[in-house]
Every structure is written in structure tokens, then in C-alpha cells.
Amino acid sequence: MRRAAVSIASNIAEGSARNSKKEFIQYLYIAAGSASELETQLEISKEVNLTEPKILSQVTGSLEEVIRMLHGLIRFLKKKK
């Protein structure tokens, strides 16, 4: 889970340092993929009772917000000329 969480931020940072908007968007998609991976891992941890429900709920809510922001940024960049 840590690896997936770090991968989200790392891909956003790497993409923002690229020379083109197209590359940045590609890295944002990779970050979104890492977020989906983390989302799956959180669901598994819920199913096997690895995490306290209150903490899981807070983390899941924050992750959903990150996913929404990523997709919003992708949409914005795609519309921007």
C-alpha cells in the first residue's frame, strides 16, 4: 500500500517535470492507475479485516478525493490549448 501511495505522488511530480503537456497527462494517468491499485488494496484489507473501519473510511475518502482531483486535472489539461 505504501508503494502505491508513493507512486501516485511520484508520477505526478515526474510528469510535471516533463517537457510537454501530453507527457504530463500520461503520467497523471499512471498516477490514477496507482490510485486504483491502492483502492483495490484498501478493499482487500477491508474484506480480511486488516484495518480498523474508521481509519479505512477516512483513507478511502481521501483517496477518492485524490482520484477526483487527478481526473479533473486531466480534463482541464486536455481542454487547455
PDB file of N, CA and C in Angstrom:
ATOM      1  N   MET A   1       0.822  -1.193   0.000  1.00  0.00           N
ATOM      2  CA  MET A   1       0.000   0.000   0.000  1.00  0.00           C
ATOM      3  C   MET A   1       0.866   1.256   0.000  1.00  0.00           C
ATOM      4  N   ARG A   2       1.944   1.215   0.755  1.00  0.00           N
ATOM      5  CA  ARG A   2       2.833   2.381   0.769  1.00  0.00           C
ATOM      6  C   ARG A   2       3.416   2.645  -0.614  1.00  0.00           C
ATOM      7  N   ARG A   3       3.824   1.579  -1.284  1.00  0.00           N
ATOM      8  CA  ARG A   3       4.413   1.719  -2.606  1.00  0.00           C
ATOM      9  C   ARG A   3       3.427   2.380  -3.570  1.00  0.00           C
ATOM     10  N   ALA A   4       2.179   1.948  -3.538  1.00  0.00           N
ATOM     11  CA  ALA A   4       1.162   2.522  -4.434  1.00  0.00           C
ATOM     12  C   ALA A   4       0.901   3.987  -4.085  1.00  0.00           C
ATOM     13  N   ALA A   5       0.852   4.293  -2.791  1.00  0.00           N
ATOM     14  CA  ALA A   5       0.607   5.675  -2.372  1.00  0.00           C
ATOM     15  C   ALA A   5       1.758   6.591  -2.799  1.00  0.00           C
ATOM     16  N   VAL A   6       2.985   6.131  -2.617  1.00  0.00           N
ATOM     17  CA  VAL A   6       4.150   6.922  -3.018  1.00  0.00           C
ATOM     18  C   VAL A   6       4.182   7.070  -4.540  1.00  0.00           C
ATOM     19  N   SER A   7       3.769   6.041  -5.248  1.00  0.00           N
ATOM     20  CA  SER A   7       3.765   6.070  -6.701  1.00  0.00           C
ATOM     21  C   SER A   7       2.836   7.157  -7.245  1.00  0.00           C
ATOM     22  N   ILE A   8       1.734   7.407  -6.567  1.00  0.00           N
ATOM     23  CA  ILE A   8       0.798   8.452  -7.004  1.00  0.00           C
ATOM     24  C   ILE A   8       1.527   9.796  -7.055  1.00  0.00           C
ATOM     25  N   ALA A   9       2.102  10.176  -5.925  1.00  0.00           N
ATOM     26  CA  ALA A   9       2.792  11.470  -5.847  1.00  0.00           C
ATOM     27  C   ALA A   9       4.011  11.510  -6.765  1.00  0.00           C
ATOM     28  N   SER A  10       4.738  10.417  -6.837  1.00  0.00           N
ATOM     29  CA  SER A  10       5.953  10.375  -7.660  1.00  0.00           C
ATOM     30  C   SER A  10       5.634  10.573  -9.138  1.00  0.00           C
ATOM     31  N   ASN A  11       4.574   9.963  -9.606  1.00  0.00           N
ATOM     32  CA  ASN A  11       4.211  10.109 -11.022  1.00  0.00           C
ATOM     33  C   ASN A  11       3.695  11.507 -11.343  1.00  0.00           C
ATOM     34  N   ILE A  12       2.994  12.115 -10.408  1.00  0.00           N
ATOM     35  CA  ILE A  12       2.563  13.498 -10.617  1.00  0.00           C
ATOM     36  C   ILE A  12       3.791  14.401 -10.716  1.00  0.00           C
ATOM     37  N   ALA A  13       4.742  14.221  -9.804  1.00  0.00           N
ATOM     38  CA  ALA A  13       5.956  15.045  -9.815  1.00  0.00           C
ATOM     39  C   ALA A  13       6.767  14.820 -11.084  1.00  0.00           C
ATOM     40  N   GLU A  14       6.953  13.573 -11.461  1.00  0.00           N
ATOM     41  CA  GLU A  14       7.738  13.280 -12.658  1.00  0.00           C
ATOM     42  C   GLU A  14       7.062  13.847 -13.906  1.00  0.00           C
ATOM     43  N   GLY A  15       5.753  13.681 -13.994  1.00  0.00           N
ATOM     44  CA  GLY A  15       5.024  14.194 -15.153  1.00  0.00           C
ATOM     45  C   GLY A  15       5.078  15.703 -15.259  1.00  0.00           C
ATOM     46  N   SER A  16       5.026  16.383 -14.121  1.00  0.00           N
ATOM     47  CA  SER A  16       5.053  17.850 -14.163  1.00  0.00           C
ATOM     48  C   SER A  16       6.413  18.373 -14.607  1.00  0.00           C
ATOM     49  N   ALA A  17       7.450  17.553 -14.464  1.00  0.00           N
ATOM     50  CA  ALA A  17       8.790  17.962 -14.878  1.00  0.00           C
ATOM     51  C   ALA A  17       9.065  17.653 -16.348  1.00  0.00           C
ATOM     52  N   ARG A  18       8.138  17.002 -17.011  1.00  0.00           N
ATOM     53  CA  ARG A  18       8.323  16.666 -18.429  1.00  0.00           C
ATOM     54  C   ARG A  18       8.162  17.899 -19.303  1.00  0.00           C
ATOM     55  N   ASN A  19       8.577  17.762 -20.551  1.00  0.00           N
ATOM     56  CA  ASN A  19       8.605  18.901 -21.466  1.00  0.00           C
ATOM     57  C   ASN A  19       7.289  19.177 -22.176  1.00  0.00           C
ATOM     58  N   SER A  20       6.330  18.282 -22.068  1.00  0.00           N
ATOM     59  CA  SER A  20       5.097  18.522 -22.808  1.00  0.00           C
ATOM     60  C   SER A  20       3.867  18.196 -21.971  1.00  0.00           C
ATOM     61  N   LYS A  21       2.790  18.837 -22.361  1.00  0.00           N
ATOM     62  CA  LYS A  21       1.512  18.598 -21.699  1.00  0.00           C
ATOM     63  C   LYS A  21       1.068  17.151 -21.911  1.00  0.00           C
ATOM     64  N   LYS A  22       1.322  16.634 -23.112  1.00  0.00           N
ATOM     65  CA  LYS A  22       0.935  15.260 -23.430  1.00  0.00           C
ATOM     66  C   LYS A  22       1.616  14.265 -22.477  1.00  0.00           C
ATOM     67  N   GLU A  23       2.900  14.464 -22.242  1.00  0.00           N
ATOM     68  CA  GLU A  23       3.621  13.582 -21.321  1.00  0.00           C
ATOM     69  C   GLU A  23       3.094  13.727 -19.896  1.00  0.00           C
ATOM     70  N   PHE A  24       2.822  14.973 -19.493  1.00  0.00           N
ATOM     71  CA  PHE A  24       2.283  15.207 -18.152  1.00  0.00           C
ATOM     72  C   PHE A  24       0.967  14.450 -17.976  1.00  0.00           C
ATOM     73  N   ILE A  25       0.102  14.545 -18.963  1.00  0.00           N
ATOM     74  CA  ILE A  25      -1.184  13.841 -18.900  1.00  0.00           C
ATOM     75  C   ILE A  25      -0.965  12.335 -18.791  1.00  0.00           C
ATOM     76  N   GLN A  26      -0.010  11.811 -19.544  1.00  0.00           N
ATOM     77  CA  GLN A  26       0.279  10.373 -19.480  1.00  0.00           C
ATOM     78  C   GLN A  26       0.697   9.967 -18.063  1.00  0.00           C
ATOM     79  N   TYR A  27       1.526  10.766 -17.427  1.00  0.00           N
ATOM     80  CA  TYR A  27       1.944  10.459 -16.054  1.00  0.00           C
ATOM     81  C   TYR A  27       0.791  10.616 -15.065  1.00  0.00           C
ATOM     82  N   LEU A  28      -0.121  11.531 -15.347  1.00  0.00           N
ATOM     83  CA  LEU A  28      -1.307  11.649 -14.492  1.00  0.00           C
ATOM     84  C   LEU A  28      -2.171  10.392 -14.595  1.00  0.00           C
ATOM     85  N   TYR A  29      -2.257   9.826 -15.790  1.00  0.00           N
ATOM     86  CA  TYR A  29      -2.982   8.563 -15.948  1.00  0.00           C
ATOM     87  C   TYR A  29      -2.287   7.435 -15.181  1.00  0.00           C
ATOM     88  N   ILE A  30      -0.975   7.437 -15.190  1.00  0.00           N
ATOM     89  CA  ILE A  30      -0.232   6.428 -14.430  1.00  0.00           C
ATOM     90  C   ILE A  30      -0.492   6.619 -12.936  1.00  0.00           C
ATOM     91  N   ALA A  31      -0.509   7.866 -12.481  1.00  0.00           N
ATOM     92  CA  ALA A  31      -0.819   8.155 -11.079  1.00  0.00           C
ATOM     93  C   ALA A  31      -2.229   7.680 -10.726  1.00  0.00           C
ATOM     94  N   ALA A  32      -3.174   7.886 -11.640  1.00  0.00           N
ATOM     95  CA  ALA A  32      -4.551   7.422 -11.418  1.00  0.00           C
ATOM     96  C   ALA A  32      -4.594   5.899 -11.335  1.00  0.00           C
ATOM     97  N   GLY A  33      -3.768   5.235 -12.133  1.00  0.00           N
ATOM     98  CA  GLY A  33      -3.680   3.776 -12.063  1.00  0.00           C
ATOM     99  C   GLY A  33      -3.151   3.317 -10.713  1.00  0.00           C
ATOM    100  N   SER A  34      -2.158   4.016 -10.203  1.00  0.00           N
ATOM    101  CA  SER A  34      -1.635   3.691  -8.873  1.00  0.00           C
ATOM    102  C   SER A  34      -2.692   3.933  -7.800  1.00  0.00           C
ATOM    103  N   ALA A  35      -3.488   4.967  -7.988  1.00  0.00           N
ATOM    104  CA  ALA A  35      -4.575   5.247  -7.043  1.00  0.00           C
ATOM    105  C   ALA A  35      -5.614   4.126  -7.072  1.00  0.00           C
ATOM    106  N   SER A  36      -5.905   3.619  -8.247  1.00  0.00           N
ATOM    107  CA  SER A  36      -6.843   2.496  -8.370  1.00  0.00           C
ATOM    108  C   SER A  36      -6.268   1.238  -7.731  1.00  0.00           C
ATOM    109  N   GLU A  37      -4.971   1.052  -7.886  1.00  0.00           N
ATOM    110  CA  GLU A  37      -4.300  -0.078  -7.244  1.00  0.00           C
ATOM    111  C   GLU A  37      -4.433   0.031  -5.726  1.00  0.00           C
ATOM    112  N   LEU A  38      -4.199   1.218  -5.192  1.00  0.00           N
ATOM    113  CA  LEU A  38      -4.338   1.426  -3.747  1.00  0.00           C
ATOM    114  C   LEU A  38      -5.779   1.215  -3.302  1.00  0.00           C
ATOM    115  N   GLU A  39      -6.712   1.665  -4.104  1.00  0.00           N
ATOM    116  CA  GLU A  39      -8.134   1.487  -3.795  1.00  0.00           C
ATOM    117  C   GLU A  39      -8.470  -0.004  -3.672  1.00  0.00           C
ATOM    118  N   THR A  40      -7.936  -0.803  -4.574  1.00  0.00           N
ATOM    119  CA  THR A  40      -8.144  -2.255  -4.536  1.00  0.00           C
ATOM    120  C   THR A  40      -7.525  -2.854  -3.281  1.00  0.00           C
ATOM    121  N   GLN A  41      -6.324  -2.417  -2.947  1.00  0.00           N
ATOM    122  CA  GLN A  41      -5.662  -2.930  -1.751  1.00  0.00           C
ATOM    123  C   GLN A  41      -6.424  -2.567  -0.480  1.00  0.00           C
ATOM    124  N   LEU A  42      -6.999  -1.376  -0.456  1.00  0.00           N
ATOM    125  CA  LEU A  42      -7.820  -0.983   0.693  1.00  0.00           C
ATOM    126  C   LEU A  42      -9.072  -1.847   0.799  1.00  0.00           C
ATOM    127  N   GLU A  43      -9.672  -2.143  -0.344  1.00  0.00           N
ATOM    128  CA  GLU A  43     -10.862  -3.014  -0.351  1.00  0.00           C
ATOM    129  C   GLU A  43     -10.507  -4.403   0.162  1.00  0.00           C
ATOM    130  N   ILE A  44      -9.373  -4.927  -0.244  1.00  0.00           N
ATOM    131  CA  ILE A  44      -8.929  -6.237   0.240  1.00  0.00           C
ATOM    132  C   ILE A  44      -8.682  -6.192   1.739  1.00  0.00           C
ATOM    133  N   SER A  45      -8.038  -5.127   2.214  1.00  0.00           N
ATOM    134  CA  SER A  45      -7.772  -5.025   3.651  1.00  0.00           C
ATOM    135  C   SER A  45      -9.075  -4.941   4.445  1.00  0.00           C
ATOM    136  N   LYS A  46     -10.097  -4.363   3.842  1.00  0.00           N
ATOM    137  CA  LYS A  46     -11.425  -4.321   4.479  1.00  0.00           C
ATOM    138  C   LYS A  46     -12.013  -5.727   4.569  1.00  0.00           C
ATOM    139  N   GLU A  47     -11.920  -6.454   3.456  1.00  0.00           N
ATOM    140  CA  GLU A  47     -12.503  -7.800   3.405  1.00  0.00           C
ATOM    141  C   GLU A  47     -11.850  -8.775   4.381  1.00  0.00           C
ATOM    142  N   VAL A  48     -10.564  -8.605   4.615  1.00  0.00           N
ATOM    143  CA  VAL A  48      -9.857  -9.525   5.523  1.00  0.00           C
ATOM    144  C   VAL A  48      -9.643  -8.915   6.913  1.00  0.00           C
ATOM    145  N   ASN A  49     -10.333  -7.811   7.178  1.00  0.00           N
ATOM    146  CA  ASN A  49     -10.292  -7.151   8.488  1.00  0.00           C
ATOM    147  C   ASN A  49      -8.878  -6.797   8.945  1.00  0.00           C
ATOM    148  N   LEU A  50      -8.100  -6.227   8.042  1.00  0.00           N
ATOM    149  CA  LEU A  50      -6.734  -5.819   8.366  1.00  0.00           C
ATOM    150  C   LEU A  50      -6.652  -4.414   8.944  1.00  0.00           C
ATOM    151  N   THR A  51      -7.677  -3.626   8.692  1.00  0.00           N
ATOM    152  CA  THR A  51      -7.650  -2.219   9.077  1.00  0.00           C
ATOM    153  C   THR A  51      -8.899  -1.865   9.862  1.00  0.00           C
ATOM    154  N   GLU A  52      -8.721  -0.995  10.846  1.00  0.00           N
ATOM    155  CA  GLU A  52      -9.855  -0.513  11.632  1.00  0.00           C
ATOM    156  C   GLU A  52     -10.825   0.227  10.702  1.00  0.00           C
ATOM    157  N   PRO A  53     -12.116  -0.084  10.776  1.00  0.00           N
ATOM    158  CA  PRO A  53     -13.091   0.506   9.841  1.00  0.00           C
ATOM    159  C   PRO A  53     -13.076   2.032   9.789  1.00  0.00           C
ATOM    160  N   LYS A  54     -12.908   2.691  10.917  1.00  0.00           N
ATOM    161  CA  LYS A  54     -12.916   4.161  10.934  1.00  0.00           C
ATOM    162  C   LYS A  54     -11.725   4.713  10.145  1.00  0.00           C
ATOM    163  N   ILE A  55     -10.557   4.146  10.356  1.00  0.00           N
ATOM    164  CA  ILE A  55      -9.363   4.585   9.638  1.00  0.00           C
ATOM    165  C   ILE A  55      -9.508   4.284   8.153  1.00  0.00           C
ATOM    166  N   LEU A  56     -10.001   3.103   7.833  1.00  0.00           N
ATOM    167  CA  LEU A  56     -10.205   2.706   6.439  1.00  0.00           C
ATOM    168  C   LEU A  56     -11.145   3.672   5.731  1.00  0.00           C
ATOM    169  N   SER A  57     -12.193   4.068   6.421  1.00  0.00           N
ATOM    170  CA  SER A  57     -13.155   5.004   5.848  1.00  0.00           C
ATOM    171  C   SER A  57     -12.503   6.360   5.564  1.00  0.00           C
ATOM    172  N   GLN A  58     -11.688   6.840   6.483  1.00  0.00           N
ATOM    173  CA  GLN A  58     -11.016   8.129   6.291  1.00  0.00           C
ATOM    174  C   GLN A  58     -10.038   8.064   5.120  1.00  0.00           C
ATOM    175  N   VAL A  59      -9.257   7.008   5.063  1.00  0.00           N
ATOM    176  CA  VAL A  59      -8.272   6.862   3.991  1.00  0.00           C
ATOM    177  C   VAL A  59      -8.976   6.715   2.646  1.00  0.00           C
ATOM    178  N   THR A  60     -10.030   5.930   2.613  1.00  0.00           N
ATOM    179  CA  THR A  60     -10.780   5.733   1.374  1.00  0.00           C
ATOM    180  C   THR A  60     -11.378   7.053   0.895  1.00  0.00           C
ATOM    181  N   GLY A  61     -11.911   7.841   1.808  1.00  0.00           N
ATOM    182  CA  GLY A  61     -12.466   9.146   1.440  1.00  0.00           C
ATOM    183  C   GLY A  61     -11.410  10.071   0.865  1.00  0.00           C
ATOM    184  N   SER A  62     -10.240  10.087   1.477  1.00  0.00           N
ATOM    185  CA  SER A  62      -9.143  10.921   0.972  1.00  0.00           C
ATOM    186  C   SER A  62      -8.685  10.441  -0.398  1.00  0.00           C
ATOM    187  N   LEU A  63      -8.597   9.134  -0.574  1.00  0.00           N
ATOM    188  CA  LEU A  63      -8.177   8.583  -1.854  1.00  0.00           C
ATOM    189  C   LEU A  63      -9.183   8.913  -2.954  1.00  0.00           C
ATOM    190  N   GLU A  64     -10.462   8.830  -2.650  1.00  0.00           N
ATOM    191  CA  GLU A  64     -11.485   9.177  -3.638  1.00  0.00           C
ATOM    192  C   GLU A  64     -11.350  10.633  -4.063  1.00  0.00           C
ATOM    193  N   GLU A  65     -11.010  11.503  -3.107  1.00  0.00           N
ATOM    194  CA  GLU A  65     -10.807  12.914  -3.426  1.00  0.00           C
ATOM    195  C   GLU A  65      -9.589  13.097  -4.337  1.00  0.00           C
ATOM    196  N   VAL A  66      -8.518  12.377  -4.064  1.00  0.00           N
ATOM    197  CA  VAL A  66      -7.316  12.442  -4.902  1.00  0.00           C
ATOM    198  C   VAL A  66      -7.642  11.985  -6.323  1.00  0.00           C
ATOM    199  N   ILE A  67      -8.399  10.897  -6.441  1.00  0.00           N
ATOM    200  CA  ILE A  67      -8.774  10.383  -7.769  1.00  0.00           C
ATOM    201  C   ILE A  67      -9.606  11.419  -8.524  1.00  0.00           C
ATOM    202  N   ARG A  68     -10.553  12.045  -7.845  1.00  0.00           N
ATOM    203  CA  ARG A  68     -11.365  13.092  -8.490  1.00  0.00           C
ATOM    204  C   ARG A  68     -10.490  14.258  -8.955  1.00  0.00           C
ATOM    205  N   MET A  69      -9.534  14.652  -8.115  1.00  0.00           N
ATOM    206  CA  MET A  69      -8.663  15.768  -8.485  1.00  0.00           C
ATOM    207  C   MET A  69      -7.774  15.407  -9.679  1.00  0.00           C
ATOM    208  N   LEU A  70      -7.267  14.184  -9.697  1.00  0.00           N
ATOM    209  CA  LEU A  70      -6.446  13.747 -10.827  1.00  0.00           C
ATOM    210  C   LEU A  70      -7.233  13.803 -12.129  1.00  0.00           C
ATOM    211  N   HIS A  71      -8.424  13.249 -12.105  1.00  0.00           N
ATOM    212  CA  HIS A  71      -9.242  13.243 -13.324  1.00  0.00           C
ATOM    213  C   HIS A  71      -9.670  14.657 -13.714  1.00  0.00           C
ATOM    214  N   GLY A  72      -9.906  15.510 -12.728  1.00  0.00           N
ATOM    215  CA  GLY A  72     -10.229  16.903 -13.026  1.00  0.00           C
ATOM    216  C   GLY A  72      -9.060  17.622 -13.689  1.00  0.00           C
ATOM    217  N   LEU A  73      -7.852  17.375 -13.191  1.00  0.00           N
ATOM    218  CA  LEU A  73      -6.666  17.991 -13.782  1.00  0.00           C
ATOM    219  C   LEU A  73      -6.441  17.475 -15.201  1.00  0.00           C
ATOM    220  N   ILE A  74      -6.657  16.193 -15.403  1.00  0.00           N
ATOM    221  CA  ILE A  74      -6.520  15.633 -16.763  1.00  0.00           C
ATOM    222  C   ILE A  74      -7.514  16.301 -17.711  1.00  0.00           C
ATOM    223  N   ARG A  75      -8.771  16.411 -17.283  1.00  0.00           N
ATOM    224  CA  ARG A  75      -9.781  17.063 -18.127  1.00  0.00           C
ATOM    225  C   ARG A  75      -9.384  18.511 -18.439  1.00  0.00           C
ATOM    226  N   PHE A  76      -8.922  19.231 -17.423  1.00  0.00           N
ATOM    227  CA  PHE A  76      -8.512  20.621 -17.605  1.00  0.00           C
ATOM    228  C   PHE A  76      -7.373  20.731 -18.614  1.00  0.00           C
ATOM    229  N   LEU A  77      -6.363  19.891 -18.455  1.00  0.00           N
ATOM    230  CA  LEU A  77      -5.204  19.947 -19.353  1.00  0.00           C
ATOM    231  C   LEU A  77      -5.568  19.569 -20.781  1.00  0.00           C
ATOM    232  N   LYS A  78      -6.485  18.631 -20.937  1.00  0.00           N
ATOM    233  CA  LYS A  78      -6.906  18.235 -22.280  1.00  0.00           C
ATOM    234  C   LYS A  78      -7.665  19.350 -22.991  1.00  0.00           C
ATOM    235  N   LYS A  79      -8.426  20.143 -22.248  1.00  0.00           N
ATOM    236  CA  LYS A  79      -9.195  21.249 -22.833  1.00  0.00           C
ATOM    237  C   LYS A  79      -8.315  22.446 -23.128  1.00  0.00           C
ATOM    238  N   LYS A  80      -7.264  22.623 -22.339  1.00  0.00           N
ATOM    239  CA  LYS A  80      -6.370  23.765 -22.472  1.00  0.00           C
ATOM    240  C   LYS A  80      -5.552  23.661 -23.756  1.00  0.00           C
ATOM    241  N   LYS A  81      -5.516  24.709 -24.513  1.00  0.00           N
ATOM    242  CA  LYS A  81      -4.760  24.705 -25.791  1.00  0.00           C
ATOM    243  C   LYS A  81      -3.326  25.079 -25.568  1.00  0.00           C
TER     244      LYS A  81
END
